[in-house]
Protein backbone atom coordinates (compact mmCIF):
# COMPACT_ATOMS: atom_id res chain seq x y z
CA UNK A 1 119.84 -100.13 -129.33
CA UNK A 2 120.58 -97.06 -131.41
CA UNK A 3 123.45 -98.84 -133.15
CA UNK A 4 121.14 -101.69 -134.09
CA UNK A 5 118.52 -99.32 -135.39
CA UNK A 6 121.12 -97.45 -137.39
CA UNK A 7 122.39 -100.64 -138.96
CA UNK A 8 118.87 -101.78 -139.73
CA UNK A 9 118.01 -98.46 -141.32
CA UNK A 10 121.00 -98.81 -143.63
CA UNK A 11 119.55 -102.02 -145.02
CA UNK A 12 118.62 -101.37 -148.71
CA UNK A 13 115.40 -103.38 -148.33
CA UNK A 14 114.36 -101.28 -145.32
CA UNK A 15 115.11 -98.06 -147.17
CA UNK A 16 113.16 -99.20 -150.23
CA UNK A 17 110.18 -100.11 -148.09
CA UNK A 18 110.36 -96.78 -146.30
CA UNK A 19 110.57 -94.89 -149.60
CA UNK A 20 107.69 -96.88 -151.02
CA UNK A 21 105.57 -96.28 -147.94
CA UNK A 22 106.24 -92.55 -148.02
CA UNK A 23 105.43 -92.35 -151.73
CA UNK A 24 102.21 -94.28 -151.22
CA UNK A 25 101.20 -92.08 -148.31
CA UNK A 26 101.95 -88.93 -150.33
CA UNK A 27 99.90 -90.23 -153.27
CA UNK A 28 97.02 -91.14 -150.96
CA UNK A 29 97.08 -87.67 -149.40
CA UNK A 30 97.22 -85.99 -152.81
CA UNK A 31 94.32 -88.02 -154.19
CA UNK A 32 92.22 -87.30 -151.10
CA UNK A 33 92.99 -83.59 -151.10
CA UNK A 34 92.28 -83.03 -154.78
CA UNK A 35 90.64 -85.87 -156.75
CA UNK A 36 90.36 -83.59 -159.79
CA UNK A 37 94.09 -82.92 -159.97
CA UNK A 38 94.75 -86.58 -159.28
CA UNK A 39 92.53 -87.52 -162.23
CA UNK A 40 94.38 -85.15 -164.56
CA UNK A 41 97.74 -86.52 -163.38
CA UNK A 42 96.67 -90.12 -163.99
CA UNK A 43 95.18 -89.30 -167.40
CA UNK A 44 98.36 -87.48 -168.44
CA UNK A 45 100.51 -90.37 -167.21
CA UNK A 46 98.44 -92.85 -169.20
CA UNK A 47 98.73 -90.70 -172.32
CA UNK A 48 102.51 -90.66 -171.87
CA UNK A 49 102.69 -94.43 -171.40
CA UNK A 50 100.52 -95.18 -174.42
CA UNK A 51 102.44 -92.66 -176.54
CA UNK A 52 105.60 -94.64 -175.84
CA UNK A 53 103.82 -97.91 -176.65
CA UNK A 54 102.46 -96.62 -179.96
CA UNK A 55 105.86 -95.25 -180.96
CA UNK A 56 107.50 -98.68 -180.63
CA UNK A 57 108.30 -100.49 -183.91
CA UNK A 58 106.37 -103.55 -182.68
CA UNK A 59 103.16 -101.49 -182.65
CA UNK A 60 103.41 -100.64 -186.35
CA UNK A 61 102.40 -103.03 -189.12
CA UNK A 62 105.54 -102.07 -191.07
CA UNK A 63 107.86 -102.64 -188.11
CA UNK A 64 108.97 -99.01 -188.14
CA UNK A 65 108.66 -96.51 -185.32
CA UNK A 66 105.67 -94.15 -185.52
CA UNK A 67 106.34 -90.42 -185.28
CA UNK A 68 105.70 -88.46 -182.09
CA UNK A 69 102.73 -86.50 -183.43
CA UNK A 70 100.86 -89.60 -184.64
CA UNK A 71 101.77 -91.63 -181.53
CA UNK A 72 100.67 -88.87 -179.15
CA UNK A 73 97.45 -88.18 -181.04
CA UNK A 74 96.54 -91.88 -181.13
CA UNK A 75 97.28 -92.25 -177.42
CA UNK A 76 95.06 -89.30 -176.53
CA UNK A 77 92.31 -90.49 -178.87
CA UNK A 78 92.41 -93.98 -177.33
CA UNK A 79 92.56 -92.93 -173.68
CA UNK A 80 89.92 -90.25 -174.26
CA UNK A 81 87.80 -92.75 -176.30
CA UNK A 82 87.43 -90.20 -179.09
CA UNK A 83 87.87 -92.13 -182.33
CA UNK A 84 89.70 -89.49 -184.36
CA UNK A 85 92.94 -90.55 -186.03
CA UNK A 86 95.80 -89.19 -188.09
CA UNK A 87 96.68 -92.61 -189.54
CA UNK A 88 94.65 -95.48 -190.97
CA UNK A 89 93.82 -97.27 -187.73
CA UNK A 90 93.01 -100.58 -189.45
CA UNK A 91 96.19 -100.90 -191.50
CA UNK A 92 98.82 -98.82 -189.71
CA UNK A 93 98.96 -100.80 -186.47
CA UNK A 94 100.14 -104.35 -185.92
CA UNK A 95 98.38 -107.00 -183.86
CA UNK A 96 100.24 -105.73 -180.80
CA UNK A 97 99.17 -102.18 -181.61
CA UNK A 98 95.51 -103.18 -181.90
CA UNK A 99 95.70 -105.00 -178.55
CA UNK A 100 97.09 -101.82 -177.00
CA UNK A 101 94.20 -99.88 -178.56
CA UNK A 102 91.67 -102.38 -177.22
CA UNK A 103 93.07 -102.18 -173.68
CA UNK A 104 93.38 -98.39 -173.84
CA UNK A 105 89.75 -97.75 -174.75
CA UNK A 106 88.60 -99.99 -171.89
CA UNK A 107 90.66 -97.96 -169.42
CA UNK A 108 89.54 -94.65 -170.87
CA UNK A 109 85.87 -95.63 -171.01
CA UNK A 110 85.57 -96.69 -167.39
CA UNK A 111 87.42 -93.67 -166.08
CA UNK A 112 90.75 -93.74 -164.33
CA UNK A 113 89.47 -93.14 -160.80
CA UNK A 114 86.63 -95.60 -161.23
CA UNK A 115 89.00 -98.26 -162.59
CA UNK A 116 91.45 -97.71 -159.73
CA UNK A 117 88.63 -98.07 -157.22
CA UNK A 118 87.41 -101.26 -158.92
CA UNK A 119 90.89 -102.77 -158.73
CA UNK A 120 91.16 -101.81 -155.07
CA UNK A 121 87.77 -103.37 -154.39
CA UNK A 122 88.81 -106.61 -156.11
CA UNK A 123 92.13 -106.81 -154.27
CA UNK A 124 91.04 -105.80 -150.76
CA UNK A 125 87.38 -106.90 -151.04
CA UNK A 126 86.37 -103.72 -149.25
CA UNK A 127 85.99 -100.05 -150.10
CA UNK A 128 87.05 -97.52 -147.50
CA UNK A 129 85.68 -94.02 -147.15
CA UNK A 130 88.64 -92.47 -148.96
CA UNK A 131 88.21 -94.80 -151.93
CA UNK A 132 84.47 -94.07 -151.95
CA UNK A 133 85.12 -90.33 -152.10
CA UNK A 134 87.61 -90.71 -154.96
CA UNK A 135 85.24 -92.93 -156.94
CA UNK A 136 82.33 -90.63 -156.17
CA UNK A 137 84.18 -87.67 -157.66
CA UNK A 138 84.45 -89.64 -160.90
CA UNK A 139 80.66 -90.06 -161.05
CA UNK A 140 79.56 -86.63 -159.81
CA UNK A 141 81.62 -83.46 -160.42
CA UNK A 142 79.86 -81.70 -157.53
CA UNK A 143 81.82 -83.90 -155.16
CA UNK A 144 85.15 -82.58 -156.48
CA UNK A 145 84.81 -79.41 -154.46
CA UNK A 146 85.55 -79.31 -150.78
CA UNK A 147 82.64 -79.13 -148.40
CA UNK A 148 79.43 -81.13 -147.94
CA UNK A 149 77.34 -82.26 -150.88
CA UNK A 150 73.68 -83.13 -150.55
CA UNK A 151 73.07 -86.80 -151.25
CA UNK A 152 69.83 -86.37 -153.17
CA UNK A 153 71.34 -87.65 -156.40
CA UNK A 154 71.48 -90.65 -158.71
CA UNK A 155 73.97 -92.65 -156.63
CA UNK A 156 74.50 -92.01 -152.94
CA UNK A 157 77.93 -92.22 -151.33
CA UNK A 158 76.99 -95.41 -149.53
CA UNK A 159 76.10 -97.04 -152.86
CA UNK A 160 79.47 -96.37 -154.54
CA UNK A 161 80.67 -99.92 -153.89
CA UNK A 162 77.62 -101.37 -155.61
CA UNK A 163 78.02 -98.89 -158.46
CA UNK A 164 81.64 -99.95 -159.03
CA UNK A 165 80.61 -103.59 -159.16
CA UNK A 166 77.88 -102.66 -161.65
CA UNK A 167 80.38 -100.74 -163.79
CA UNK A 168 82.76 -103.69 -164.03
CA UNK A 169 80.07 -106.32 -164.59
CA UNK A 170 77.95 -104.27 -167.00
CA UNK A 171 80.92 -103.34 -169.18
CA UNK A 172 81.94 -106.99 -169.44
CA UNK A 173 78.44 -108.38 -169.95
CA UNK A 174 77.28 -105.74 -172.44
CA UNK A 175 80.39 -105.96 -174.61
CA UNK A 176 80.28 -109.76 -174.58
CA UNK A 177 76.58 -109.78 -175.47
CA UNK A 178 77.15 -107.35 -178.33
CA UNK A 179 80.01 -109.47 -179.65
CA UNK A 180 77.87 -112.63 -179.53
CA UNK A 181 75.15 -110.88 -181.54
CA UNK A 182 77.60 -109.50 -184.10
CA UNK A 183 79.54 -112.72 -184.66
CA UNK A 184 76.91 -114.65 -186.68
CA UNK A 185 76.44 -111.76 -189.10
CA UNK A 186 80.16 -111.68 -189.80
CA UNK A 187 80.30 -115.43 -190.32
CA UNK A 188 77.37 -115.19 -192.73
CA UNK A 189 79.28 -112.54 -194.69
CA UNK A 190 82.09 -115.06 -195.23
CA UNK A 191 84.63 -113.63 -192.79
CA UNK A 192 86.96 -116.38 -191.41
CA UNK A 193 86.14 -117.57 -187.90
CA UNK A 194 89.23 -116.20 -186.15
CA UNK A 195 88.97 -112.85 -187.87
CA UNK A 196 85.22 -112.70 -187.26
CA UNK A 197 85.69 -113.27 -183.51
CA UNK A 198 88.26 -110.50 -183.32
CA UNK A 199 86.08 -108.14 -185.37
CA UNK A 200 83.04 -108.87 -183.18
CA UNK A 201 84.96 -108.19 -179.95
CA UNK A 202 86.55 -105.08 -181.44
CA UNK A 203 83.30 -103.60 -182.76
CA UNK A 204 81.45 -104.34 -179.53
CA UNK A 205 84.14 -102.60 -177.48
CA UNK A 206 84.25 -99.59 -179.80
CA UNK A 207 80.44 -99.30 -179.68
CA UNK A 208 80.03 -99.51 -175.91
CA UNK A 209 83.02 -97.24 -175.23
CA UNK A 210 81.71 -94.79 -177.85
CA UNK A 211 85.10 -94.75 -179.60
CA UNK A 212 84.19 -95.64 -183.18
CA UNK A 213 87.39 -97.25 -184.45
CA UNK A 214 86.97 -100.03 -187.02
CA UNK A 215 89.31 -103.05 -187.26
CA UNK A 216 88.87 -103.42 -191.04
CA UNK A 217 90.12 -100.99 -193.66
CA UNK A 218 86.66 -100.61 -195.24
CA UNK A 219 85.06 -99.55 -191.97
CA UNK A 220 81.28 -99.86 -191.95
CA UNK A 221 81.04 -99.90 -195.75
CA UNK A 222 80.51 -103.70 -195.95
CA UNK A 223 77.73 -103.41 -193.34
CA UNK A 224 76.12 -100.17 -194.54
CA UNK A 225 72.93 -102.01 -195.56
CA UNK A 226 73.02 -104.63 -192.79
CA UNK A 227 70.43 -103.10 -190.47
CA UNK A 228 70.76 -105.85 -187.88
CA UNK A 229 74.48 -105.14 -187.56
CA UNK A 230 73.91 -101.39 -187.40
CA UNK A 231 71.12 -101.79 -184.84
CA UNK A 232 73.44 -103.72 -182.53
CA UNK A 233 76.01 -100.93 -182.81
CA UNK A 234 73.30 -98.36 -182.01
CA UNK A 235 72.27 -100.28 -178.90
CA UNK A 236 75.89 -100.54 -177.75
CA UNK A 237 76.51 -96.82 -178.27
CA UNK A 238 73.29 -95.87 -176.47
CA UNK A 239 74.04 -98.08 -173.46
CA UNK A 240 77.53 -96.63 -173.19
CA UNK A 241 76.33 -93.05 -173.55
CA UNK A 242 73.57 -92.99 -170.92
CA UNK A 243 76.05 -93.39 -168.05
CA UNK A 244 76.91 -96.04 -165.46
CA UNK A 245 74.67 -94.48 -162.75
CA UNK A 246 71.73 -95.00 -165.11
CA UNK A 247 72.73 -98.62 -165.77
CA UNK A 248 73.06 -99.12 -162.02
CA UNK A 249 69.58 -97.72 -161.39
CA UNK A 250 68.04 -99.78 -164.19
CA UNK A 251 69.69 -102.94 -162.88
CA UNK A 252 68.31 -102.27 -159.39
CA UNK A 253 64.84 -101.68 -160.83
CA UNK A 254 65.03 -104.90 -162.85
CA UNK A 255 66.12 -106.83 -159.78
CA UNK A 256 63.27 -105.31 -157.76
CA UNK A 257 60.77 -106.21 -160.49
CA UNK A 258 61.91 -109.84 -160.43
CA UNK A 259 61.60 -109.98 -156.66
CA UNK A 260 58.09 -108.55 -156.78
CA UNK A 261 57.05 -111.25 -159.21
CA UNK A 262 58.28 -113.91 -156.79
CA UNK A 263 56.89 -112.29 -153.64
CA UNK A 264 53.68 -110.35 -153.87
CA UNK A 265 54.31 -108.45 -150.61
CA UNK A 266 57.59 -106.80 -151.51
CA UNK A 267 58.28 -103.14 -150.89
CA UNK A 268 57.88 -100.56 -153.61
CA UNK A 269 60.68 -100.42 -156.19
CA UNK A 270 63.43 -97.81 -155.70
CA UNK A 271 62.44 -94.37 -156.91
CA UNK A 272 64.23 -93.09 -159.98
CA UNK A 273 66.16 -89.91 -159.25
CA UNK A 274 65.76 -86.69 -161.20
CA UNK A 275 69.14 -87.34 -162.82
CA UNK A 276 67.98 -90.68 -164.21
CA UNK A 277 64.72 -89.26 -165.53
CA UNK A 278 66.36 -86.18 -167.07
CA UNK A 279 69.05 -88.29 -168.75
CA UNK A 280 66.65 -90.79 -170.29
CA UNK A 281 64.04 -88.24 -171.39
CA UNK A 282 66.54 -85.75 -172.82
CA UNK A 283 68.52 -88.49 -174.59
CA UNK A 284 65.37 -89.88 -176.23
CA UNK A 285 64.22 -86.41 -177.32
CA UNK A 286 67.61 -85.59 -178.83
CA UNK A 287 67.71 -88.84 -180.78
CA UNK A 288 64.22 -88.30 -182.19
CA UNK A 289 64.70 -84.59 -182.97
CA UNK A 290 68.11 -85.25 -184.50
CA UNK A 291 66.74 -87.97 -186.76
CA UNK A 292 63.82 -85.76 -187.79
CA UNK A 293 66.16 -82.92 -188.73
CA UNK A 294 68.38 -85.24 -190.77
CA UNK A 295 65.34 -86.54 -192.66
CA UNK A 296 64.21 -83.00 -193.45
CA UNK A 297 67.66 -81.67 -194.37
CA UNK A 298 69.08 -84.68 -196.26
CA UNK A 299 66.15 -86.41 -197.98
CA UNK A 300 66.98 -84.69 -201.29
CA UNK A 301 70.77 -84.88 -201.04
CA UNK A 302 71.89 -87.41 -203.67
CA UNK A 303 75.25 -87.89 -201.90
CA UNK A 304 73.66 -89.07 -198.65
CA UNK A 305 69.99 -90.10 -198.38
CA UNK A 306 68.61 -88.77 -201.68
CA UNK A 307 68.83 -92.13 -203.46
CA UNK A 308 67.33 -94.12 -200.55
CA UNK A 309 63.75 -95.16 -199.97
CA UNK A 310 61.62 -93.75 -197.18
CA UNK A 311 62.32 -96.60 -194.75
CA UNK A 312 66.04 -96.56 -195.42
CA UNK A 313 66.18 -92.80 -194.96
CA UNK A 314 64.45 -93.02 -191.59
CA UNK A 315 66.77 -95.76 -190.34
CA UNK A 316 69.96 -94.09 -191.55
CA UNK A 317 68.82 -90.80 -190.00
CA UNK A 318 68.29 -92.45 -186.63
CA UNK A 319 71.66 -94.20 -186.94
CA UNK A 320 73.41 -90.90 -187.66
CA UNK A 321 71.53 -89.17 -184.83
CA UNK A 322 72.70 -91.80 -182.32
CA UNK A 323 76.29 -91.77 -183.57
CA UNK A 324 76.68 -88.00 -183.43
CA UNK A 325 76.19 -88.13 -179.66
CA UNK A 326 79.69 -89.68 -179.34
CA UNK A 327 79.45 -93.01 -181.17
CA UNK A 328 81.77 -92.11 -184.02
CA UNK A 329 80.53 -94.68 -186.56
CA UNK A 330 79.19 -93.50 -189.90
CA UNK A 331 77.76 -95.13 -193.01
CA UNK A 332 78.08 -91.97 -195.12
CA UNK A 333 80.88 -89.56 -195.95
CA UNK A 334 80.55 -86.69 -193.48
CA UNK A 335 81.79 -84.04 -195.97
CA UNK A 336 78.83 -84.95 -198.22
CA UNK A 337 76.34 -83.61 -195.66
CA UNK A 338 74.71 -80.28 -196.34
CA UNK A 339 76.02 -77.31 -194.38
CA UNK A 340 72.80 -77.21 -192.35
CA UNK A 341 73.23 -80.86 -191.40
CA UNK A 342 76.85 -80.24 -190.38
CA UNK A 343 75.62 -77.50 -188.04
CA UNK A 344 72.99 -79.80 -186.54
CA UNK A 345 75.66 -82.43 -186.03
CA UNK A 346 77.88 -79.83 -184.34
CA UNK A 347 75.14 -79.10 -181.83
CA UNK A 348 74.40 -82.77 -181.13
CA UNK A 349 78.09 -83.59 -180.67
CA UNK A 350 78.61 -80.62 -178.36
CA UNK A 351 75.76 -81.85 -176.13
CA UNK A 352 77.09 -85.41 -176.03
CA UNK A 353 75.77 -88.15 -173.76
CA UNK A 354 75.04 -88.76 -170.10
CA UNK A 355 77.18 -87.90 -167.10
CA UNK A 356 79.66 -90.54 -165.88
CA UNK A 357 79.36 -92.32 -169.22
CA UNK A 358 81.70 -93.29 -172.04
CA UNK A 359 80.37 -90.34 -174.07
CA UNK A 360 81.72 -86.80 -174.14
CA UNK A 361 80.23 -83.34 -174.60
CA UNK A 362 78.70 -81.04 -172.03
CA UNK A 363 76.24 -83.84 -171.16
CA UNK A 364 72.48 -84.03 -171.64
CA UNK A 365 71.66 -83.18 -168.03
CA UNK A 366 73.58 -79.91 -168.39
CA UNK A 367 71.37 -78.99 -171.34
CA UNK A 368 68.27 -80.03 -169.43
CA UNK A 369 69.20 -77.91 -166.40
CA UNK A 370 69.78 -74.85 -168.57
CA UNK A 371 66.38 -75.26 -170.23
CA UNK A 372 64.73 -75.78 -166.85
CA UNK A 373 66.32 -72.55 -165.63
CA UNK A 374 65.08 -70.70 -168.72
CA UNK A 375 61.55 -72.08 -168.26
CA UNK A 376 61.56 -71.14 -164.57
CA UNK A 377 62.65 -67.60 -165.43
CA UNK A 378 60.00 -67.29 -168.14
CA UNK A 379 57.31 -68.37 -165.69
CA UNK A 380 58.58 -66.11 -162.94
CA UNK A 381 59.53 -68.99 -160.64
CA UNK A 382 62.49 -68.53 -158.32
CA UNK A 383 63.27 -72.24 -158.15
CA UNK A 384 63.99 -74.81 -160.85
CA UNK A 385 61.77 -77.88 -160.63
CA UNK A 386 61.63 -81.18 -162.48
CA UNK A 387 59.55 -84.29 -161.77
CA UNK A 388 58.21 -82.79 -158.54
CA UNK A 389 61.70 -82.10 -157.23
CA UNK A 390 63.58 -78.82 -156.68
CA UNK A 391 67.01 -78.43 -158.28
CA UNK A 392 69.42 -76.27 -156.24
CA UNK A 393 71.15 -73.24 -157.74
CA UNK A 394 74.67 -74.67 -157.44
CA UNK A 395 73.77 -77.23 -160.13
CA UNK A 396 72.83 -74.37 -162.46
CA UNK A 397 76.11 -72.55 -161.74
CA UNK A 398 78.02 -75.72 -162.52
CA UNK A 399 76.07 -76.20 -165.75
CA UNK A 400 76.76 -72.65 -166.88
CA UNK A 401 80.47 -73.15 -166.11
CA UNK A 402 80.56 -76.36 -168.14
CA UNK A 403 78.98 -74.72 -171.20
CA UNK A 404 81.16 -71.61 -170.93
CA UNK A 405 84.43 -73.48 -170.59
CA UNK A 406 83.42 -75.92 -173.31
CA UNK A 407 82.50 -73.13 -175.72
CA UNK A 408 85.75 -71.33 -174.90
CA UNK A 409 87.79 -74.46 -175.59
CA UNK A 410 86.04 -74.99 -178.94
CA UNK A 411 86.44 -71.32 -179.92
CA UNK A 412 90.16 -71.13 -179.11
CA UNK A 413 90.93 -74.44 -180.82
CA UNK A 414 88.90 -73.46 -183.90
CA UNK A 415 90.73 -70.15 -184.25
CA UNK A 416 94.13 -71.87 -184.02
CA UNK A 417 93.19 -74.65 -186.47
CA UNK A 418 91.74 -72.09 -188.90
CA UNK A 419 94.98 -70.14 -188.83
CA UNK A 420 97.11 -73.26 -189.30
CA UNK A 421 95.07 -75.13 -191.91
CA UNK A 422 93.27 -72.33 -193.80
CA UNK A 423 90.41 -74.83 -194.16
CA UNK A 424 86.70 -73.88 -194.39
CA UNK A 425 85.10 -72.86 -191.11
CA UNK A 426 82.38 -75.51 -191.18
CA UNK A 427 84.95 -78.32 -191.54
CA UNK A 428 87.22 -76.88 -188.84
CA UNK A 429 84.36 -76.32 -186.41
CA UNK A 430 83.05 -79.83 -187.05
CA UNK A 431 86.35 -81.60 -186.31
CA UNK A 432 87.15 -79.41 -183.32
CA UNK A 433 83.75 -80.07 -181.71
CA UNK A 434 84.15 -83.76 -182.53
CA UNK A 435 87.49 -83.73 -180.71
CA UNK A 436 86.15 -81.82 -177.70
CA UNK A 437 83.05 -84.00 -177.43
CA UNK A 438 85.08 -87.18 -178.11
CA UNK A 439 82.67 -88.04 -180.92
CA UNK A 440 85.10 -89.33 -183.53
CA UNK A 441 83.25 -88.18 -186.63
CA UNK A 442 85.41 -86.23 -189.05
CA UNK A 443 85.30 -84.37 -192.33
CA UNK A 444 88.80 -85.68 -193.10
CA UNK A 445 90.47 -82.49 -191.88
CA UNK A 446 92.17 -84.03 -188.83
CA UNK A 447 94.18 -86.54 -190.83
CA UNK A 448 95.52 -83.79 -193.11
CA UNK A 449 96.67 -81.40 -190.38
CA UNK A 450 100.37 -80.58 -189.87
CA UNK A 451 102.01 -81.46 -186.57
CA UNK A 452 101.10 -78.18 -184.79
CA UNK A 453 97.44 -78.72 -185.66
CA UNK A 454 97.65 -82.34 -184.50
CA UNK A 455 98.94 -81.23 -181.09
CA UNK A 456 96.13 -78.67 -180.76
CA UNK A 457 93.52 -81.30 -181.60
CA UNK A 458 95.10 -83.69 -179.08
CA UNK A 459 94.89 -81.01 -176.37
CA UNK A 460 91.25 -80.40 -177.31
CA UNK A 461 90.45 -84.10 -176.92
CA UNK A 462 92.20 -84.17 -173.56
CA UNK A 463 90.29 -81.15 -172.26
CA UNK A 464 87.02 -82.60 -173.50
CA UNK A 465 87.50 -86.01 -171.88
CA UNK A 466 88.99 -84.88 -168.59
CA UNK A 467 86.13 -82.46 -168.35
CA UNK A 468 85.83 -78.75 -168.00
CA UNK A 469 84.57 -79.15 -164.45
CA UNK A 470 87.60 -81.26 -163.52
CA UNK A 471 89.96 -78.74 -165.05
CA UNK A 472 88.28 -75.83 -163.30
CA UNK A 473 88.37 -77.63 -159.96
CA UNK A 474 92.01 -78.59 -160.48
CA UNK A 475 93.09 -75.05 -161.33
CA UNK A 476 91.32 -73.61 -158.31
CA UNK A 477 93.54 -73.76 -155.26
CA UNK A 478 90.68 -74.68 -152.95
CA UNK A 479 87.21 -73.58 -152.04
CA UNK A 480 87.87 -70.97 -149.40
CA UNK A 481 85.37 -69.93 -146.80
CA UNK A 482 84.44 -66.28 -147.16
CA UNK A 483 83.64 -64.67 -143.82
CA UNK A 484 81.95 -61.60 -145.24
CA UNK A 485 79.57 -60.56 -148.02
CA UNK A 486 80.01 -57.52 -150.23
CA UNK A 487 77.14 -55.13 -151.05
CA UNK A 488 74.76 -56.49 -153.67
CA UNK A 489 74.26 -54.74 -157.01
CA UNK A 490 72.47 -56.04 -160.12
CA UNK A 491 73.97 -55.46 -163.61
CA UNK A 492 71.68 -55.25 -166.63
CA UNK A 493 71.42 -58.64 -168.38
CA UNK A 494 69.75 -59.24 -171.74
């Protein structure tokens, strides 16, 4: 019996299966123990793979290999759905290269863990607890830490399967709908049918994923006065930036509304969570306030809105306000903005979009929680409250950590880029924040940086997309249980 087992174990097929099984078990254990580190590992692996793809001669329009710095930067920008580039994205890459870009932004927009969970759901037609936990950590950073997490949030753990289905379906449906709306405008402008179809699909993907790449060398210049075209892009960027949990909640509410119309005795519609309400309200306020500031600061600037009428100025201001939140498209030259407008754009980019979305930044709910904490302190309240709900203190601690680590990343990168490029501070700060917040707007500085500056900007994009919370959770060994408490003492603050 032992001889037979020994002979069987020497079989190469048996050994390969055993090795594969052990590797799969080790990967499963690693992903379960630390989803944050697993996410960083997968993101880094994808960046490496796409760097190799972009460096191939077949990816270049000239048939020559692309240098390491440009290949790496493009790979990070694509996987992190940033939109910054060191080469002319429309003319440098071949058809194969553009297909790689298109696939890369889809992977980066959905999130690696979410995409892996979707594929597992499609293949096995079921979602186990382990897969739910991994996917949940991609939609809520609070779940990255060990220990229980209260389920009073936008998407409960039991709803992760439905959320994943919504993510896959909504991404496909929204991008297809945007492309269908954009196609007639391109045909009217005289673009050939085949090229128009490709442009429509490309623009719709870059809008919903909040990337901002353009397939044509002129960019948005041919469509700068086509307000229908620009409105469709704004809608795509907004839907991508509010977050998949919001889309999931809205889809459930729409389904409930349809059922109530058919049956008068249906139950009440599902209650919107505080996260949904904070995201929608804060996003709307930022868009309106941003547009108002651009109107005030740029109405007399002849290089931007100074030569436009009142209606055109209002529309272009709203377009710029939406795009600064991570969209990356622009109908004006960013360096032509006044210094005050550049600073406003810095702040809007740093805030970014909604959590678990295709946008970057510290997220609008983080800003909302910080303001709620400030209001509670000003009123003398011990608890933060919003929409008749109490927000626990651990959410505030997480929000403070996100802002602190984000500001530190921007500060360190800005100092290094300033030393390397000797460029003006406002231009350096703008491009660094754009990289961190995966916005994609640029003053032109990024494309002129030497290789060391390119690598720093690539690292900044990576940190911004992976997330400061993910990095902090990955660097921490584990959340240990402290069996004692030290004496309390209050330092002077403020």
